[in-house]
Amino acid sequence: MSNSTDKSDTARRRAQTHFTASEQRDTLVRREIEKERAASNAKTAKLRALRLAKEAVDKEAADKLAAEKELAKSTKPRARMAPRKKQPPPA
């Protein structure tokens, strides 16, 4: 009887060892996935910040250019046009 008990204990230990090793691998894979996800999120946040900063600089430059154009229009002296001569209607 002790022989069958030893066999079942051995089988149980092997199964438990296999299960424990499998859980450890799963845990390592999950950690690795989390590291990759965190790195990807950090990269995305960095790129988003750079894009928003560039858009802000571009908008500021466009606003400045528009203001300069508006200022140039308002300070530019207008040329007077000679009065038009009325032409008789065609007969």
Protein backbone atom coordinates (compact mmCIF):
# COMPACT_ATOMS: atom_id res chain seq x y z
CA MET A 1 0.00 0.00 0.00
CA SER A 2 2.80 2.38 0.78
CA ASN A 3 4.06 1.85 -2.78
CA SER A 4 0.84 3.32 -4.29
CA THR A 5 0.93 6.18 -1.80
CA ASP A 6 4.52 6.95 -2.78
CA LYS A 7 3.57 6.92 -6.47
CA SER A 8 0.64 9.29 -5.93
CA ASP A 9 2.77 11.59 -3.78
CA THR A 10 5.46 11.63 -6.45
CA ALA A 11 2.91 12.34 -9.16
CA ARG A 12 1.34 15.07 -7.03
CA ARG A 13 4.77 16.69 -6.41
CA ARG A 14 5.59 16.58 -10.13
CA ALA A 15 2.25 18.12 -11.01
CA GLN A 16 2.67 20.79 -8.35
CA THR A 17 6.20 21.55 -9.56
CA HIS A 18 4.96 21.81 -13.15
CA PHE A 19 2.08 24.04 -12.09
CA THR A 20 4.36 26.29 -10.02
CA ALA A 21 6.82 26.65 -12.90
CA SER A 22 3.96 27.47 -15.25
CA GLU A 23 2.66 30.15 -12.88
CA GLN A 24 6.14 31.66 -12.58
CA ARG A 25 6.45 31.85 -16.37
CA ASP A 26 3.01 33.46 -16.59
CA THR A 27 4.00 36.02 -13.97
CA LEU A 28 7.21 36.86 -15.83
CA VAL A 29 5.30 37.24 -19.10
CA ARG A 30 2.75 39.53 -17.43
CA ARG A 31 5.54 41.68 -15.96
CA GLU A 32 7.23 41.91 -19.35
CA ILE A 33 3.96 42.92 -21.01
CA GLU A 34 3.39 45.58 -18.35
CA LYS A 35 6.92 46.95 -18.90
CA GLU A 36 6.32 47.15 -22.65
CA ARG A 37 2.93 48.78 -22.13
CA ALA A 38 4.42 51.35 -19.74
CA ALA A 39 7.22 52.12 -22.21
CA SER A 40 4.70 52.51 -25.02
CA ASN A 41 2.51 54.79 -22.90
CA ALA A 42 5.52 56.91 -21.95
CA LYS A 43 6.56 57.19 -25.59
CA THR A 44 3.02 58.16 -26.60
CA ALA A 45 2.84 60.81 -23.87
CA LYS A 46 6.20 62.23 -24.91
CA LEU A 47 5.20 62.40 -28.58
CA ARG A 48 1.85 63.97 -27.67
CA ALA A 49 3.60 66.64 -25.59
CA LEU A 50 6.01 67.38 -28.44
CA ARG A 51 3.15 67.61 -30.95
CA LEU A 52 1.14 69.94 -28.71
CA ALA A 53 4.18 72.15 -28.14
CA LYS A 54 4.83 72.33 -31.89
CA GLU A 55 1.19 73.16 -32.58
CA ALA A 56 1.33 75.93 -29.97
CA VAL A 57 4.47 77.39 -31.55
CA ASP A 58 2.94 77.15 -35.03
CA LYS A 59 -0.27 78.84 -33.85
CA GLU A 60 1.71 81.60 -32.16
CA ALA A 61 3.71 82.17 -35.36
CA ALA A 62 0.53 82.21 -37.47
CA ASP A 63 -1.14 84.66 -35.08
CA LYS A 64 1.93 86.91 -35.15
CA LEU A 65 2.02 86.82 -38.95
CA ALA A 66 -1.69 87.63 -39.16
CA ALA A 67 -1.24 90.53 -36.74
CA GLU A 68 1.69 91.86 -38.78
CA LYS A 69 -0.37 91.65 -41.98
CA GLU A 70 -3.28 93.43 -40.30
CA LEU A 71 -0.94 96.13 -38.99
CA ALA A 72 0.60 96.56 -42.44
CA LYS A 73 -2.85 96.95 -43.99
CA SER A 74 -3.97 99.54 -41.47
CA THR A 75 -0.80 101.67 -41.64
CA LYS A 76 -0.36 101.56 -45.40
CA PRO A 77 -1.46 104.87 -46.97
CA ARG A 78 -4.20 104.46 -49.49
CA ALA A 79 -3.57 105.67 -52.98
CA ARG A 80 -6.20 108.01 -54.27
CA MET A 81 -7.77 107.05 -57.48
CA ALA A 82 -8.60 109.61 -60.11
CA PRO A 83 -12.30 110.07 -60.63
CA ARG A 84 -13.65 108.04 -63.48
CA LYS A 85 -14.95 109.75 -66.51
CA LYS A 86 -18.41 108.70 -67.43
CA GLN A 87 -18.61 107.27 -70.89
CA PRO A 88 -21.72 107.68 -72.93
CA PRO A 89 -23.72 104.50 -73.40
CA PRO A 90 -23.08 102.70 -76.67
CA ALA A 91 -25.51 103.64 -79.39
